[in-house]
Amino acid sequence: MRDVMKYELETKKKHLLKLQEYFRSDIKDIDSPKYEDNAINALLEMKKVKTEIEQLEYYLQLKT
C-alpha cells in the first residue's frame, strides 16, 4: 500500500510541475478574452493538487 501511495505522490508532484510550467507560460497572454478564467482555474487546480500531495505526505508519515 505504501508503494502505491509513494507512486501516486510522485505522479502528483510531476503533474504539479507541469501545471506550474503551463501557468507561467500561459499567464503572459493577458489580452486573451478568458485570461481571468484561465488563471483562476489553473490556480485552483494547482491548489487541489498541492492539497492532495500534502495528504499523501501526511499518510506516508503515519506508522503502519
PDB file of N, CA and C in Angstrom:
ATOM      1  N   MET A   1       0.823  -1.194   0.000  1.00  0.00           N
ATOM      2  CA  MET A   1       0.000   0.000   0.000  1.00  0.00           C
ATOM      3  C   MET A   1       0.871   1.263   0.000  1.00  0.00           C
ATOM      4  N   ARG A   2       1.941   1.237   0.775  1.00  0.00           N
ATOM      5  CA  ARG A   2       2.828   2.402   0.835  1.00  0.00           C
ATOM      6  C   ARG A   2       3.486   2.659  -0.524  1.00  0.00           C
ATOM      7  N   ASP A   3       3.795   1.598  -1.230  1.00  0.00           N
ATOM      8  CA  ASP A   3       4.408   1.757  -2.549  1.00  0.00           C
ATOM      9  C   ASP A   3       3.449   2.459  -3.511  1.00  0.00           C
ATOM     10  N   VAL A   4       2.193   2.108  -3.435  1.00  0.00           N
ATOM     11  CA  VAL A   4       1.181   2.739  -4.282  1.00  0.00           C
ATOM     12  C   VAL A   4       1.062   4.218  -3.924  1.00  0.00           C
ATOM     13  N   MET A   5       1.072   4.511  -2.638  1.00  0.00           N
ATOM     14  CA  MET A   5       0.970   5.897  -2.200  1.00  0.00           C
ATOM     15  C   MET A   5       2.197   6.699  -2.628  1.00  0.00           C
ATOM     16  N   LYS A   6       3.373   6.099  -2.541  1.00  0.00           N
ATOM     17  CA  LYS A   6       4.592   6.780  -2.972  1.00  0.00           C
ATOM     18  C   LYS A   6       4.556   7.057  -4.469  1.00  0.00           C
ATOM     19  N   TYR A   7       4.098   6.090  -5.235  1.00  0.00           N
ATOM     20  CA  TYR A   7       3.971   6.270  -6.677  1.00  0.00           C
ATOM     21  C   TYR A   7       2.982   7.392  -6.995  1.00  0.00           C
ATOM     22  N   GLU A   8       1.857   7.387  -6.317  1.00  0.00           N
ATOM     23  CA  GLU A   8       0.840   8.427  -6.512  1.00  0.00           C
ATOM     24  C   GLU A   8       1.392   9.800  -6.142  1.00  0.00           C
ATOM     25  N   LEU A   9       2.177   9.864  -5.077  1.00  0.00           N
ATOM     26  CA  LEU A   9       2.782  11.115  -4.640  1.00  0.00           C
ATOM     27  C   LEU A   9       3.723  11.655  -5.720  1.00  0.00           C
ATOM     28  N   GLU A  10       4.570  10.816  -6.251  1.00  0.00           N
ATOM     29  CA  GLU A  10       5.496  11.249  -7.302  1.00  0.00           C
ATOM     30  C   GLU A  10       4.745  11.681  -8.563  1.00  0.00           C
ATOM     31  N   THR A  11       3.687  10.969  -8.892  1.00  0.00           N
ATOM     32  CA  THR A  11       2.874  11.321 -10.050  1.00  0.00           C
ATOM     33  C   THR A  11       2.241  12.693  -9.874  1.00  0.00           C
ATOM     34  N   LYS A  12       1.724  12.958  -8.691  1.00  0.00           N
ATOM     35  CA  LYS A  12       1.098  14.255  -8.412  1.00  0.00           C
ATOM     36  C   LYS A  12       2.117  15.389  -8.408  1.00  0.00           C
ATOM     37  N   LYS A  13       3.308  15.132  -7.914  1.00  0.00           N
ATOM     38  CA  LYS A  13       4.352  16.155  -7.932  1.00  0.00           C
ATOM     39  C   LYS A  13       4.734  16.515  -9.368  1.00  0.00           C
ATOM     40  N   LYS A  14       4.838  15.508 -10.229  1.00  0.00           N
ATOM     41  CA  LYS A  14       5.151  15.768 -11.637  1.00  0.00           C
ATOM     42  C   LYS A  14       4.018  16.539 -12.306  1.00  0.00           C
ATOM     43  N   HIS A  15       2.795  16.166 -11.972  1.00  0.00           N
ATOM     44  CA  HIS A  15       1.628  16.861 -12.526  1.00  0.00           C
ATOM     45  C   HIS A  15       1.621  18.327 -12.084  1.00  0.00           C
ATOM     46  N   LEU A  16       1.955  18.575 -10.835  1.00  0.00           N
ATOM     47  CA  LEU A  16       2.007  19.940 -10.321  1.00  0.00           C
ATOM     48  C   LEU A  16       3.062  20.758 -11.069  1.00  0.00           C
ATOM     49  N   LEU A  17       4.211  20.179 -11.304  1.00  0.00           N
ATOM     50  CA  LEU A  17       5.255  20.877 -12.052  1.00  0.00           C
ATOM     51  C   LEU A  17       4.792  21.253 -13.461  1.00  0.00           C
ATOM     52  N   LYS A  18       4.074  20.336 -14.102  1.00  0.00           N
ATOM     53  CA  LYS A  18       3.557  20.621 -15.436  1.00  0.00           C
ATOM     54  C   LYS A  18       2.520  21.732 -15.385  1.00  0.00           C
ATOM     55  N   LEU A  19       1.655  21.710 -14.368  1.00  0.00           N
ATOM     56  CA  LEU A  19       0.663  22.769 -14.216  1.00  0.00           C
ATOM     57  C   LEU A  19       1.339  24.120 -13.995  1.00  0.00           C
ATOM     58  N   GLN A  20       2.383  24.133 -13.201  1.00  0.00           N
ATOM     59  CA  GLN A  20       3.099  25.379 -12.927  1.00  0.00           C
ATOM     60  C   GLN A  20       3.795  25.905 -14.177  1.00  0.00           C
ATOM     61  N   GLU A  21       4.390  25.012 -14.952  1.00  0.00           N
ATOM     62  CA  GLU A  21       5.036  25.423 -16.206  1.00  0.00           C
ATOM     63  C   GLU A  21       4.005  26.018 -17.167  1.00  0.00           C
ATOM     64  N   TYR A  22       2.878  25.341 -17.290  1.00  0.00           N
ATOM     65  CA  TYR A  22       1.800  25.827 -18.152  1.00  0.00           C
ATOM     66  C   TYR A  22       1.337  27.204 -17.678  1.00  0.00           C
ATOM     67  N   PHE A  23       1.173  27.363 -16.384  1.00  0.00           N
ATOM     68  CA  PHE A  23       0.705  28.624 -15.821  1.00  0.00           C
ATOM     69  C   PHE A  23       1.692  29.745 -16.134  1.00  0.00           C
ATOM     70  N   ARG A  24       2.966  29.489 -15.958  1.00  0.00           N
ATOM     71  CA  ARG A  24       3.991  30.507 -16.215  1.00  0.00           C
ATOM     72  C   ARG A  24       3.979  30.973 -17.666  1.00  0.00           C
ATOM     73  N   SER A  25       3.807  30.049 -18.584  1.00  0.00           N
ATOM     74  CA  SER A  25       3.844  30.423 -19.995  1.00  0.00           C
ATOM     75  C   SER A  25       2.507  30.992 -20.469  1.00  0.00           C
ATOM     76  N   ASP A  26       1.417  30.427 -20.006  1.00  0.00           N
ATOM     77  CA  ASP A  26       0.096  30.830 -20.493  1.00  0.00           C
ATOM     78  C   ASP A  26      -0.377  32.139 -19.867  1.00  0.00           C
ATOM     79  N   ILE A  27       0.065  32.437 -18.674  1.00  0.00           N
ATOM     80  CA  ILE A  27      -0.422  33.609 -17.956  1.00  0.00           C
ATOM     81  C   ILE A  27       0.074  34.915 -18.589  1.00  0.00           C
ATOM     82  N   LYS A  28       1.058  34.819 -19.451  1.00  0.00           N
ATOM     83  CA  LYS A  28       1.613  36.015 -20.094  1.00  0.00           C
ATOM     84  C   LYS A  28       0.666  36.621 -21.120  1.00  0.00           C
ATOM     85  N   ASP A  29      -0.300  35.853 -21.584  1.00  0.00           N
ATOM     86  CA  ASP A  29      -1.235  36.320 -22.613  1.00  0.00           C
ATOM     87  C   ASP A  29      -2.414  37.048 -21.963  1.00  0.00           C
ATOM     88  N   ILE A  30      -2.133  38.216 -21.434  1.00  0.00           N
ATOM     89  CA  ILE A  30      -3.139  38.979 -20.684  1.00  0.00           C
ATOM     90  C   ILE A  30      -4.260  39.500 -21.586  1.00  0.00           C
ATOM     91  N   ASP A  31      -4.027  39.563 -22.876  1.00  0.00           N
ATOM     92  CA  ASP A  31      -5.046  40.062 -23.796  1.00  0.00           C
ATOM     93  C   ASP A  31      -6.063  38.995 -24.190  1.00  0.00           C
ATOM     94  N   SER A  32      -5.868  37.788 -23.706  1.00  0.00           N
ATOM     95  CA  SER A  32      -6.808  36.716 -24.014  1.00  0.00           C
ATOM     96  C   SER A  32      -8.176  37.034 -23.407  1.00  0.00           C
ATOM     97  N   PRO A  33      -9.258  36.756 -24.141  1.00  0.00           N
ATOM     98  CA  PRO A  33     -10.592  37.068 -23.610  1.00  0.00           C
ATOM     99  C   PRO A  33     -10.946  36.261 -22.356  1.00  0.00           C
ATOM    100  N   LYS A  34     -10.338  35.140 -22.167  1.00  0.00           N
ATOM    101  CA  LYS A  34     -10.634  34.303 -20.990  1.00  0.00           C
ATOM    102  C   LYS A  34      -9.459  34.275 -20.024  1.00  0.00           C
ATOM    103  N   TYR A  35      -8.662  35.303 -20.027  1.00  0.00           N
ATOM    104  CA  TYR A  35      -7.457  35.376 -19.205  1.00  0.00           C
ATOM    105  C   TYR A  35      -7.749  35.099 -17.733  1.00  0.00           C
ATOM    106  N   GLU A  36      -8.701  35.819 -17.173  1.00  0.00           N
ATOM    107  CA  GLU A  36      -9.006  35.679 -15.747  1.00  0.00           C
ATOM    108  C   GLU A  36      -9.525  34.286 -15.420  1.00  0.00           C
ATOM    109  N   ASP A  37     -10.439  33.785 -16.255  1.00  0.00           N
ATOM    110  CA  ASP A  37     -10.982  32.445 -16.024  1.00  0.00           C
ATOM    111  C   ASP A  37      -9.890  31.389 -16.079  1.00  0.00           C
ATOM    112  N   ASN A  38      -9.026  31.505 -17.085  1.00  0.00           N
ATOM    113  CA  ASN A  38      -7.939  30.538 -17.222  1.00  0.00           C
ATOM    114  C   ASN A  38      -6.983  30.602 -16.028  1.00  0.00           C
ATOM    115  N   ALA A  39      -6.658  31.811 -15.588  1.00  0.00           N
ATOM    116  CA  ALA A  39      -5.747  31.976 -14.450  1.00  0.00           C
ATOM    117  C   ALA A  39      -6.357  31.401 -13.180  1.00  0.00           C
ATOM    118  N   ILE A  40      -7.620  31.710 -12.939  1.00  0.00           N
ATOM    119  CA  ILE A  40      -8.298  31.208 -11.737  1.00  0.00           C
ATOM    120  C   ILE A  40      -8.379  29.687 -11.756  1.00  0.00           C
ATOM    121  N   ASN A  41      -8.774  29.131 -12.887  1.00  0.00           N
ATOM    122  CA  ASN A  41      -8.889  27.672 -12.986  1.00  0.00           C
ATOM    123  C   ASN A  41      -7.541  26.987 -12.798  1.00  0.00           C
ATOM    124  N   ALA A  42      -6.510  27.562 -13.366  1.00  0.00           N
ATOM    125  CA  ALA A  42      -5.170  26.982 -13.226  1.00  0.00           C
ATOM    126  C   ALA A  42      -4.716  27.031 -11.768  1.00  0.00           C
ATOM    127  N   LEU A  43      -4.954  28.148 -11.107  1.00  0.00           N
ATOM    128  CA  LEU A  43      -4.568  28.272  -9.699  1.00  0.00           C
ATOM    129  C   LEU A  43      -5.364  27.317  -8.814  1.00  0.00           C
ATOM    130  N   LEU A  44      -6.642  27.173  -9.088  1.00  0.00           N
ATOM    131  CA  LEU A  44      -7.461  26.239  -8.302  1.00  0.00           C
ATOM    132  C   LEU A  44      -6.993  24.798  -8.491  1.00  0.00           C
ATOM    133  N   GLU A  45      -6.648  24.443  -9.707  1.00  0.00           N
ATOM    134  CA  GLU A  45      -6.144  23.092  -9.974  1.00  0.00           C
ATOM    135  C   GLU A  45      -4.826  22.851  -9.245  1.00  0.00           C
ATOM    136  N   MET A  46      -3.931  23.850  -9.263  1.00  0.00           N
ATOM    137  CA  MET A  46      -2.662  23.717  -8.548  1.00  0.00           C
ATOM    138  C   MET A  46      -2.896  23.569  -7.046  1.00  0.00           C
ATOM    139  N   LYS A  47      -3.822  24.333  -6.510  1.00  0.00           N
ATOM    140  CA  LYS A  47      -4.134  24.246  -5.075  1.00  0.00           C
ATOM    141  C   LYS A  47      -4.670  22.861  -4.729  1.00  0.00           C
ATOM    142  N   LYS A  48      -5.528  22.331  -5.582  1.00  0.00           N
ATOM    143  CA  LYS A  48      -6.092  20.996  -5.358  1.00  0.00           C
ATOM    144  C   LYS A  48      -4.991  19.936  -5.335  1.00  0.00           C
ATOM    145  N   VAL A  49      -4.094  20.005  -6.302  1.00  0.00           N
ATOM    146  CA  VAL A  49      -3.008  19.021  -6.386  1.00  0.00           C
ATOM    147  C   VAL A  49      -2.066  19.166  -5.193  1.00  0.00           C
ATOM    148  N   LYS A  50      -1.789  20.403  -4.786  1.00  0.00           N
ATOM    149  CA  LYS A  50      -0.931  20.612  -3.616  1.00  0.00           C
ATOM    150  C   LYS A  50      -1.561  20.015  -2.358  1.00  0.00           C
ATOM    151  N   THR A  51      -2.859  20.167  -2.213  1.00  0.00           N
ATOM    152  CA  THR A  51      -3.564  19.591  -1.062  1.00  0.00           C
ATOM    153  C   THR A  51      -3.483  18.069  -1.093  1.00  0.00           C
ATOM    154  N   GLU A  52      -3.650  17.485  -2.270  1.00  0.00           N
ATOM    155  CA  GLU A  52      -3.542  16.029  -2.403  1.00  0.00           C
ATOM    156  C   GLU A  52      -2.135  15.550  -2.063  1.00  0.00           C
ATOM    157  N   ILE A  53      -1.136  16.315  -2.475  1.00  0.00           N
ATOM    158  CA  ILE A  53       0.262  15.970  -2.157  1.00  0.00           C
ATOM    159  C   ILE A  53       0.479  16.022  -0.648  1.00  0.00           C
ATOM    160  N   GLU A  54      -0.019  17.067  -0.011  1.00  0.00           N
ATOM    161  CA  GLU A  54       0.126  17.188   1.445  1.00  0.00           C
ATOM    162  C   GLU A  54      -0.545  16.024   2.167  1.00  0.00           C
ATOM    163  N   GLN A  55      -1.704  15.619   1.694  1.00  0.00           N
ATOM    164  CA  GLN A  55      -2.406  14.488   2.305  1.00  0.00           C
ATOM    165  C   GLN A  55      -1.591  13.203   2.167  1.00  0.00           C
ATOM    166  N   LEU A  56      -1.082  12.949   0.990  1.00  0.00           N
ATOM    167  CA  LEU A  56      -0.289  11.744   0.783  1.00  0.00           C
ATOM    168  C   LEU A  56       0.979  11.760   1.633  1.00  0.00           C
ATOM    169  N   GLU A  57       1.631  12.912   1.716  1.00  0.00           N
ATOM    170  CA  GLU A  57       2.832  13.008   2.552  1.00  0.00           C
ATOM    171  C   GLU A  57       2.488  12.746   4.020  1.00  0.00           C
ATOM    172  N   TYR A  58       1.365  13.248   4.465  1.00  0.00           N
ATOM    173  CA  TYR A  58       0.925  13.015   5.843  1.00  0.00           C
ATOM    174  C   TYR A  58       0.672  11.522   6.065  1.00  0.00           C
ATOM    175  N   TYR A  59      -0.059  10.896   5.165  1.00  0.00           N
ATOM    176  CA  TYR A  59      -0.353   9.467   5.313  1.00  0.00           C
ATOM    177  C   TYR A  59       0.914   8.625   5.321  1.00  0.00           C
ATOM    178  N   LEU A  60       1.895   9.027   4.519  1.00  0.00           N
ATOM    179  CA  LEU A  60       3.138   8.258   4.465  1.00  0.00           C
ATOM    180  C   LEU A  60       3.967   8.440   5.736  1.00  0.00           C
ATOM    181  N   GLN A  61       3.735   9.512   6.461  1.00  0.00           N
ATOM    182  CA  GLN A  61       4.450   9.719   7.724  1.00  0.00           C
ATOM    183  C   GLN A  61       3.876   8.881   8.859  1.00  0.00           C
ATOM    184  N   LEU A  62       2.626   8.486   8.723  1.00  0.00           N
ATOM    185  CA  LEU A  62       1.983   7.687   9.768  1.00  0.00           C
ATOM    186  C   LEU A  62       2.625   6.316   9.829  1.00  0.00           C
ATOM    187  N   LYS A  63       2.763   5.830  11.019  1.00  0.00           N
ATOM    188  CA  LYS A  63       3.325   4.484  11.206  1.00  0.00           C
ATOM    189  C   LYS A  63       2.235   3.458  10.923  1.00  0.00           C
ATOM    190  N   THR A  64       2.623   2.397  10.265  1.00  0.00           N
ATOM    191  CA  THR A  64       1.652   1.347   9.942  1.00  0.00           C
ATOM    192  C   THR A  64       1.746   0.205  10.903  1.00  0.00           C
TER     193      THR A  64
END
